[in-house]
Amino acid sequence: MKPKFIWLVALVLLVCGLGLTIRGQKEASAKINWEYKSLFSTSADVSYVLNGLGGQGWELVAVDVTADRNGLKGTTYYLKRSK
């Protein structure tokens, strides 16, 4: 009788796990719309600006140290947040 009970419990856990997996996939497939922002700075200390943007929901996703269109050397920060 004990082996049948163990198999029954295992089957119930398997079915519950499968249900949670399917539910998670449906929630993960929901479309998220993003908006993007770039910030160019020649200053090394832009933490106060980035902290302010973070407080508004912006997330830093990339940093590029290059020159802008006018040949000015600096850093470009790329940010995104959900709409």
PDB file of N, CA and C in Angstrom:
ATOM      1  N   MET A   1       0.817  -1.200   0.000  1.00  0.00           N
ATOM      2  CA  MET A   1       0.000   0.000   0.000  1.00  0.00           C
ATOM      3  C   MET A   1       0.860   1.264   0.000  1.00  0.00           C
ATOM      4  N   LYS A   2       1.996   1.217   0.669  1.00  0.00           N
ATOM      5  CA  LYS A   2       2.870   2.375   0.767  1.00  0.00           C
ATOM      6  C   LYS A   2       3.442   2.788  -0.589  1.00  0.00           C
ATOM      7  N   PRO A   3       3.917   1.882  -1.447  1.00  0.00           N
ATOM      8  CA  PRO A   3       4.430   2.296  -2.760  1.00  0.00           C
ATOM      9  C   PRO A   3       3.368   2.985  -3.620  1.00  0.00           C
ATOM     10  N   LYS A   4       2.108   2.545  -3.539  1.00  0.00           N
ATOM     11  CA  LYS A   4       1.044   3.184  -4.312  1.00  0.00           C
ATOM     12  C   LYS A   4       0.832   4.622  -3.843  1.00  0.00           C
ATOM     13  N   PHE A   5       0.913   4.852  -2.541  1.00  0.00           N
ATOM     14  CA  PHE A   5       0.741   6.195  -1.986  1.00  0.00           C
ATOM     15  C   PHE A   5       1.874   7.112  -2.453  1.00  0.00           C
ATOM     16  N   ILE A   6       3.079   6.603  -2.454  1.00  0.00           N
ATOM     17  CA  ILE A   6       4.222   7.399  -2.903  1.00  0.00           C
ATOM     18  C   ILE A   6       4.078   7.768  -4.378  1.00  0.00           C
ATOM     19  N   TRP A   7       3.643   6.815  -5.201  1.00  0.00           N
ATOM     20  CA  TRP A   7       3.426   7.105  -6.624  1.00  0.00           C
ATOM     21  C   TRP A   7       2.311   8.128  -6.827  1.00  0.00           C
ATOM     22  N   LEU A   8       1.289   8.040  -6.016  1.00  0.00           N
ATOM     23  CA  LEU A   8       0.173   8.987  -6.115  1.00  0.00           C
ATOM     24  C   LEU A   8       0.645  10.399  -5.757  1.00  0.00           C
ATOM     25  N   VAL A   9       1.408  10.516  -4.690  1.00  0.00           N
ATOM     26  CA  VAL A   9       1.937  11.821  -4.287  1.00  0.00           C
ATOM     27  C   VAL A   9       2.860  12.363  -5.379  1.00  0.00           C
ATOM     28  N   ALA A  10       3.714  11.518  -5.941  1.00  0.00           N
ATOM     29  CA  ALA A  10       4.620  11.943  -7.004  1.00  0.00           C
ATOM     30  C   ALA A  10       3.843  12.424  -8.225  1.00  0.00           C
ATOM     31  N   LEU A  11       2.769  11.732  -8.579  1.00  0.00           N
ATOM     32  CA  LEU A  11       1.944  12.122  -9.715  1.00  0.00           C
ATOM     33  C   LEU A  11       1.273  13.471  -9.465  1.00  0.00           C
ATOM     34  N   VAL A  12       0.757  13.663  -8.262  1.00  0.00           N
ATOM     35  CA  VAL A  12       0.108  14.942  -7.927  1.00  0.00           C
ATOM     36  C   VAL A  12       1.124  16.086  -8.015  1.00  0.00           C
ATOM     37  N   LEU A  13       2.319  15.883  -7.478  1.00  0.00           N
ATOM     38  CA  LEU A  13       3.358  16.914  -7.538  1.00  0.00           C
ATOM     39  C   LEU A  13       3.772  17.212  -8.979  1.00  0.00           C
ATOM     40  N   LEU A  14       3.851  16.185  -9.806  1.00  0.00           N
ATOM     41  CA  LEU A  14       4.202  16.364 -11.206  1.00  0.00           C
ATOM     42  C   LEU A  14       3.154  17.193 -11.931  1.00  0.00           C
ATOM     43  N   VAL A  15       1.888  16.891 -11.688  1.00  0.00           N
ATOM     44  CA  VAL A  15       0.798  17.632 -12.342  1.00  0.00           C
ATOM     45  C   VAL A  15       0.800  19.085 -11.872  1.00  0.00           C
ATOM     46  N   CYS A  16       1.015  19.313 -10.582  1.00  0.00           N
ATOM     47  CA  CYS A  16       1.068  20.692 -10.066  1.00  0.00           C
ATOM     48  C   CYS A  16       2.244  21.446 -10.672  1.00  0.00           C
ATOM     49  N   GLY A  17       3.393  20.810 -10.758  1.00  0.00           N
ATOM     50  CA  GLY A  17       4.567  21.446 -11.347  1.00  0.00           C
ATOM     51  C   GLY A  17       4.353  21.792 -12.805  1.00  0.00           C
ATOM     52  N   LEU A  18       3.706  20.904 -13.543  1.00  0.00           N
ATOM     53  CA  LEU A  18       3.412  21.154 -14.945  1.00  0.00           C
ATOM     54  C   LEU A  18       2.470  22.345 -15.089  1.00  0.00           C
ATOM     55  N   GLY A  19       1.477  22.415 -14.216  1.00  0.00           N
ATOM     56  CA  GLY A  19       0.536  23.534 -14.253  1.00  0.00           C
ATOM     57  C   GLY A  19       1.213  24.865 -13.990  1.00  0.00           C
ATOM     58  N   LEU A  20       2.127  24.897 -13.037  1.00  0.00           N
ATOM     59  CA  LEU A  20       2.853  26.131 -12.740  1.00  0.00           C
ATOM     60  C   LEU A  20       3.771  26.526 -13.888  1.00  0.00           C
ATOM     61  N   THR A  21       4.358  25.543 -14.534  1.00  0.00           N
ATOM     62  CA  THR A  21       5.236  25.822 -15.669  1.00  0.00           C
ATOM     63  C   THR A  21       4.452  26.435 -16.824  1.00  0.00           C
ATOM     64  N   ILE A  22       3.312  25.896 -17.124  1.00  0.00           N
ATOM     65  CA  ILE A  22       2.475  26.420 -18.211  1.00  0.00           C
ATOM     66  C   ILE A  22       2.008  27.827 -17.878  1.00  0.00           C
ATOM     67  N   ARG A  23       1.619  28.057 -16.636  1.00  0.00           N
ATOM     68  CA  ARG A  23       1.158  29.380 -16.215  1.00  0.00           C
ATOM     69  C   ARG A  23       2.295  30.390 -16.333  1.00  0.00           C
ATOM     70  N   GLY A  24       3.498  30.001 -15.917  1.00  0.00           N
ATOM     71  CA  GLY A  24       4.649  30.888 -15.999  1.00  0.00           C
ATOM     72  C   GLY A  24       4.998  31.256 -17.431  1.00  0.00           C
ATOM     73  N   GLN A  25       4.858  30.316 -18.345  1.00  0.00           N
ATOM     74  CA  GLN A  25       5.150  30.595 -19.746  1.00  0.00           C
ATOM     75  C   GLN A  25       4.144  31.570 -20.330  1.00  0.00           C
ATOM     76  N   LYS A  26       2.888  31.457 -19.943  1.00  0.00           N
ATOM     77  CA  LYS A  26       1.873  32.381 -20.447  1.00  0.00           C
ATOM     78  C   LYS A  26       2.129  33.788 -19.934  1.00  0.00           C
ATOM     79  N   GLU A  27       2.512  33.918 -18.652  1.00  0.00           N
ATOM     80  CA  GLU A  27       2.791  35.235 -18.096  1.00  0.00           C
ATOM     81  C   GLU A  27       4.058  35.828 -18.698  1.00  0.00           C
ATOM     82  N   ALA A  28       5.069  35.009 -18.948  1.00  0.00           N
ATOM     83  CA  ALA A  28       6.330  35.493 -19.498  1.00  0.00           C
ATOM     84  C   ALA A  28       6.184  35.928 -20.944  1.00  0.00           C
ATOM     85  N   SER A  29       5.218  35.376 -21.654  1.00  0.00           N
ATOM     86  CA  SER A  29       5.064  35.708 -23.062  1.00  0.00           C
ATOM     87  C   SER A  29       4.257  36.988 -23.268  1.00  0.00           C
ATOM     88  N   ALA A  30       3.803  37.624 -22.183  1.00  0.00           N
ATOM     89  CA  ALA A  30       3.078  38.878 -22.319  1.00  0.00           C
ATOM     90  C   ALA A  30       4.024  39.927 -22.902  1.00  0.00           C
ATOM     91  N   LYS A  31       3.555  40.692 -23.870  1.00  0.00           N
ATOM     92  CA  LYS A  31       4.395  41.653 -24.566  1.00  0.00           C
ATOM     93  C   LYS A  31       4.641  42.869 -23.672  1.00  0.00           C
ATOM     94  N   ILE A  32       5.916  43.230 -23.530  1.00  0.00           N
ATOM     95  CA  ILE A  32       6.289  44.409 -22.766  1.00  0.00           C
ATOM     96  C   ILE A  32       6.768  45.458 -23.758  1.00  0.00           C
ATOM     97  N   ASN A  33       6.216  46.653 -23.655  1.00  0.00           N
ATOM     98  CA  ASN A  33       6.639  47.763 -24.500  1.00  0.00           C
ATOM     99  C   ASN A  33       7.676  48.583 -23.749  1.00  0.00           C
ATOM    100  N   TRP A  34       8.756  48.914 -24.432  1.00  0.00           N
ATOM    101  CA  TRP A  34       9.853  49.646 -23.822  1.00  0.00           C
ATOM    102  C   TRP A  34       9.988  51.016 -24.457  1.00  0.00           C
ATOM    103  N   GLU A  35      10.463  51.974 -23.692  1.00  0.00           N
ATOM    104  CA  GLU A  35      10.904  53.242 -24.238  1.00  0.00           C
ATOM    105  C   GLU A  35      12.377  53.396 -23.878  1.00  0.00           C
ATOM    106  N   TYR A  36      13.113  54.095 -24.729  1.00  0.00           N
ATOM    107  CA  TYR A  36      14.559  54.167 -24.597  1.00  0.00           C
ATOM    108  C   TYR A  36      15.025  55.611 -24.500  1.00  0.00           C
ATOM    109  N   LYS A  37      16.168  55.786 -23.866  1.00  0.00           N
ATOM    110  CA  LYS A  37      16.754  57.110 -23.697  1.00  0.00           C
ATOM    111  C   LYS A  37      18.265  56.954 -23.763  1.00  0.00           C
ATOM    112  N   SER A  38      18.932  57.924 -24.352  1.00  0.00           N
ATOM    113  CA  SER A  38      20.393  57.943 -24.336  1.00  0.00           C
ATOM    114  C   SER A  38      20.840  59.263 -23.716  1.00  0.00           C
ATOM    115  N   LEU A  39      21.947  59.196 -23.001  1.00  0.00           N
ATOM    116  CA  LEU A  39      22.488  60.359 -22.316  1.00  0.00           C
ATOM    117  C   LEU A  39      23.977  60.430 -22.637  1.00  0.00           C
ATOM    118  N   PHE A  40      24.399  61.546 -23.239  1.00  0.00           N
ATOM    119  CA  PHE A  40      25.815  61.728 -23.550  1.00  0.00           C
ATOM    120  C   PHE A  40      26.409  62.686 -22.538  1.00  0.00           C
ATOM    121  N   SER A  41      27.585  62.337 -22.005  1.00  0.00           N
ATOM    122  CA  SER A  41      28.229  63.174 -21.003  1.00  0.00           C
ATOM    123  C   SER A  41      29.734  63.165 -21.206  1.00  0.00           C
ATOM    124  N   THR A  42      30.342  64.349 -21.001  1.00  0.00           N
ATOM    125  CA  THR A  42      31.794  64.452 -21.020  1.00  0.00           C
ATOM    126  C   THR A  42      32.345  64.407 -19.600  1.00  0.00           C
ATOM    127  N   SER A  43      31.458  64.436 -18.619  1.00  0.00           N
ATOM    128  CA  SER A  43      31.860  64.406 -17.208  1.00  0.00           C
ATOM    129  C   SER A  43      32.008  62.969 -16.727  1.00  0.00           C
ATOM    130  N   ALA A  44      32.956  62.747 -15.837  1.00  0.00           N
ATOM    131  CA  ALA A  44      33.145  61.402 -15.276  1.00  0.00           C
ATOM    132  C   ALA A  44      32.141  61.116 -14.172  1.00  0.00           C
ATOM    133  N   ASP A  45      31.561  62.162 -13.587  1.00  0.00           N
ATOM    134  CA  ASP A  45      30.646  61.973 -12.460  1.00  0.00           C
ATOM    135  C   ASP A  45      29.214  62.307 -12.879  1.00  0.00           C
ATOM    136  N   VAL A  46      28.502  61.314 -13.368  1.00  0.00           N
ATOM    137  CA  VAL A  46      27.103  61.494 -13.736  1.00  0.00           C
ATOM    138  C   VAL A  46      26.196  60.642 -12.849  1.00  0.00           C
ATOM    139  N   SER A  47      26.734  60.192 -11.725  1.00  0.00           N
ATOM    140  CA  SER A  47      25.964  59.299 -10.856  1.00  0.00           C
ATOM    141  C   SER A  47      24.689  59.975 -10.348  1.00  0.00           C
ATOM    142  N   TYR A  48      24.741  61.279 -10.073  1.00  0.00           N
ATOM    143  CA  TYR A  48      23.542  61.966  -9.596  1.00  0.00           C
ATOM    144  C   TYR A  48      22.454  61.982 -10.662  1.00  0.00           C
ATOM    145  N   VAL A  49      22.838  62.124 -11.915  1.00  0.00           N
ATOM    146  CA  VAL A  49      21.863  62.109 -13.014  1.00  0.00           C
ATOM    147  C   VAL A  49      21.288  60.704 -13.186  1.00  0.00           C
ATOM    148  N   LEU A  50      22.176  59.694 -13.182  1.00  0.00           N
ATOM    149  CA  LEU A  50      21.715  58.306 -13.352  1.00  0.00           C
ATOM    150  C   LEU A  50      20.843  57.872 -12.173  1.00  0.00           C
ATOM    151  N   ASN A  51      21.176  58.306 -10.961  1.00  0.00           N
ATOM    152  CA  ASN A  51      20.334  57.978  -9.802  1.00  0.00           C
ATOM    153  C   ASN A  51      18.950  58.610  -9.934  1.00  0.00           C
ATOM    154  N   GLY A  52      18.898  59.830 -10.445  1.00  0.00           N
ATOM    155  CA  GLY A  52      17.611  60.488 -10.663  1.00  0.00           C
ATOM    156  C   GLY A  52      16.767  59.757 -11.696  1.00  0.00           C
ATOM    157  N   LEU A  53      17.420  59.341 -12.785  1.00  0.00           N
ATOM    158  CA  LEU A  53      16.697  58.588 -13.820  1.00  0.00           C
ATOM    159  C   LEU A  53      16.255  57.225 -13.290  1.00  0.00           C
ATOM    160  N   GLY A  54      17.084  56.591 -12.473  1.00  0.00           N
ATOM    161  CA  GLY A  54      16.700  55.320 -11.863  1.00  0.00           C
ATOM    162  C   GLY A  54      15.469  55.475 -10.995  1.00  0.00           C
ATOM    163  N   GLY A  55      15.364  56.593 -10.308  1.00  0.00           N
ATOM    164  CA  GLY A  55      14.179  56.867  -9.497  1.00  0.00           C
ATOM    165  C   GLY A  55      12.929  57.048 -10.326  1.00  0.00           C
ATOM    166  N   GLN A  56      13.095  57.375 -11.602  1.00  0.00           N
ATOM    167  CA  GLN A  56      11.958  57.525 -12.517  1.00  0.00           C
ATOM    168  C   GLN A  56      11.638  56.225 -13.249  1.00  0.00           C
ATOM    169  N   GLY A  57      12.360  55.139 -12.904  1.00  0.00           N
ATOM    170  CA  GLY A  57      12.079  53.845 -13.508  1.00  0.00           C
ATOM    171  C   GLY A  57      13.007  53.462 -14.648  1.00  0.00           C
ATOM    172  N   TRP A  58      13.987  54.301 -14.961  1.00  0.00           N
ATOM    173  CA  TRP A  58      14.918  54.000 -16.036  1.00  0.00           C
ATOM    174  C   TRP A  58      15.961  53.011 -15.564  1.00  0.00           C
ATOM    175  N   GLU A  59      16.330  52.075 -16.444  1.00  0.00           N
ATOM    176  CA  GLU A  59      17.338  51.053 -16.158  1.00  0.00           C
ATOM    177  C   GLU A  59      18.487  51.213 -17.144  1.00  0.00           C
ATOM    178  N   LEU A  60      19.711  51.295 -16.614  1.00  0.00           N
ATOM    179  CA  LEU A  60      20.893  51.412 -17.459  1.00  0.00           C
ATOM    180  C   LEU A  60      21.176  50.067 -18.102  1.00  0.00           C
ATOM    181  N   VAL A  61      21.259  50.043 -19.435  1.00  0.00           N
ATOM    182  CA  VAL A  61      21.462  48.774 -20.142  1.00  0.00           C
ATOM    183  C   VAL A  61      22.779  48.697 -20.903  1.00  0.00           C
ATOM    184  N   ALA A  62      23.392  49.851 -21.205  1.00  0.00           N
ATOM    185  CA  ALA A  62      24.661  49.821 -21.939  1.00  0.00           C
ATOM    186  C   ALA A  62      25.393  51.136 -21.753  1.00  0.00           C
ATOM    187  N   VAL A  63      26.712  51.063 -21.875  1.00  0.00           N
ATOM    188  CA  VAL A  63      27.570  52.241 -21.794  1.00  0.00           C
ATOM    189  C   VAL A  63      28.554  52.165 -22.951  1.00  0.00           C
ATOM    190  N   ASP A  64      28.753  53.301 -23.635  1.00  0.00           N
ATOM    191  CA  ASP A  64      29.665  53.340 -24.774  1.00  0.00           C
ATOM    192  C   ASP A  64      30.571  54.564 -24.631  1.00  0.00           C
ATOM    193  N   VAL A  65      31.855  54.329 -24.544  1.00  0.00           N
ATOM    194  CA  VAL A  65      32.820  55.422 -24.447  1.00  0.00           C
ATOM    195  C   VAL A  65      33.321  55.715 -25.856  1.00  0.00           C
ATOM    196  N   THR A  66      32.854  56.822 -26.419  1.00  0.00           N
ATOM    197  CA  THR A  66      33.193  57.182 -27.801  1.00  0.00           C
ATOM    198  C   THR A  66      33.214  58.697 -27.933  1.00  0.00           C
ATOM    199  N   ALA A  67      33.237  59.139 -29.167  1.00  0.00           N
ATOM    200  CA  ALA A  67      33.110  60.559 -29.482  1.00  0.00           C
ATOM    201  C   ALA A  67      31.748  60.784 -30.128  1.00  0.00           C
ATOM    202  N   ASP A  68      31.151  61.933 -29.870  1.00  0.00           N
ATOM    203  CA  ASP A  68      29.857  62.238 -30.486  1.00  0.00           C
ATOM    204  C   ASP A  68      30.061  62.755 -31.907  1.00  0.00           C
ATOM    205  N   ARG A  69      29.026  63.268 -32.527  1.00  0.00           N
ATOM    206  CA  ARG A  69      29.074  63.711 -33.929  1.00  0.00           C
ATOM    207  C   ARG A  69      30.054  64.862 -34.149  1.00  0.00           C
ATOM    208  N   ASN A  70      30.252  65.668 -33.119  1.00  0.00           N
ATOM    209  CA  ASN A  70      31.134  66.832 -33.251  1.00  0.00           C
ATOM    210  C   ASN A  70      32.582  66.517 -32.871  1.00  0.00           C
ATOM    211  N   GLY A  71      32.886  65.254 -32.612  1.00  0.00           N
ATOM    212  CA  GLY A  71      34.236  64.871 -32.246  1.00  0.00           C
ATOM    213  C   GLY A  71      34.544  65.025 -30.764  1.00  0.00           C
ATOM    214  N   LEU A  72      33.542  65.383 -29.968  1.00  0.00           N
ATOM    215  CA  LEU A  72      33.717  65.552 -28.528  1.00  0.00           C
ATOM    216  C   LEU A  72      33.768  64.185 -27.859  1.00  0.00           C
ATOM    217  N   LYS A  73      34.828  63.950 -27.073  1.00  0.00           N
ATOM    218  CA  LYS A  73      34.961  62.648 -26.419  1.00  0.00           C
ATOM    219  C   LYS A  73      34.129  62.618 -25.146  1.00  0.00           C
ATOM    220  N   GLY A  74      33.467  61.499 -24.932  1.00  0.00           N
ATOM    221  CA  GLY A  74      32.629  61.348 -23.751  1.00  0.00           C
ATOM    222  C   GLY A  74      32.047  59.955 -23.682  1.00  0.00           C
ATOM    223  N   THR A  75      31.053  59.824 -22.847  1.00  0.00           N
ATOM    224  CA  THR A  75      30.406  58.538 -22.617  1.00  0.00           C
ATOM    225  C   THR A  75      28.923  58.658 -22.916  1.00  0.00           C
ATOM    226  N   THR A  76      28.391  57.680 -23.624  1.00  0.00           N
ATOM    227  CA  THR A  76      26.961  57.620 -23.885  1.00  0.00           C
ATOM    228  C   THR A  76      26.365  56.510 -23.029  1.00  0.00           C
ATOM    229  N   TYR A  77      25.319  56.846 -22.312  1.00  0.00           N
ATOM    230  CA  TYR A  77      24.612  55.893 -21.445  1.00  0.00           C
ATOM    231  C   TYR A  77      23.260  55.603 -22.095  1.00  0.00           C
ATOM    232  N   TYR A  78      22.934  54.331 -22.238  1.00  0.00           N
ATOM    233  CA  TYR A  78      21.670  53.921 -22.830  1.00  0.00           C
ATOM    234  C   TYR A  78      20.787  53.338 -21.734  1.00  0.00           C
ATOM    235  N   LEU A  79      19.547  53.815 -21.690  1.00  0.00           N
ATOM    236  CA  LEU A  79      18.613  53.410 -20.643  1.00  0.00           C
ATOM    237  C   LEU A  79      17.302  52.951 -21.260  1.00  0.00           C
ATOM    238  N   LYS A  80      16.552  52.165 -20.516  1.00  0.00           N
ATOM    239  CA  LYS A  80      15.222  51.735 -20.961  1.00  0.00           C
ATOM    240  C   LYS A  80      14.294  51.651 -19.750  1.00  0.00           C
ATOM    241  N   ARG A  81      12.994  51.737 -20.014  1.00  0.00           N
ATOM    242  CA  ARG A  81      11.974  51.496 -18.989  1.00  0.00           C
ATOM    243  C   ARG A  81      10.701  51.039 -19.678  1.00  0.00           C
ATOM    244  N   SER A  82       9.897  50.325 -18.936  1.00  0.00           N
ATOM    245  CA  SER A  82       8.651  49.843 -19.527  1.00  0.00           C
ATOM    246  C   SER A  82       7.656  50.988 -19.605  1.00  0.00           C
ATOM    247  N   LYS A  83       6.832  50.963 -20.651  1.00  0.00           N
ATOM    248  CA  LYS A  83       5.818  52.025 -20.837  1.00  0.00           C
ATOM    249  C   LYS A  83       4.655  51.800 -19.925  1.00  0.00           C
TER     250      LYS A  83
END
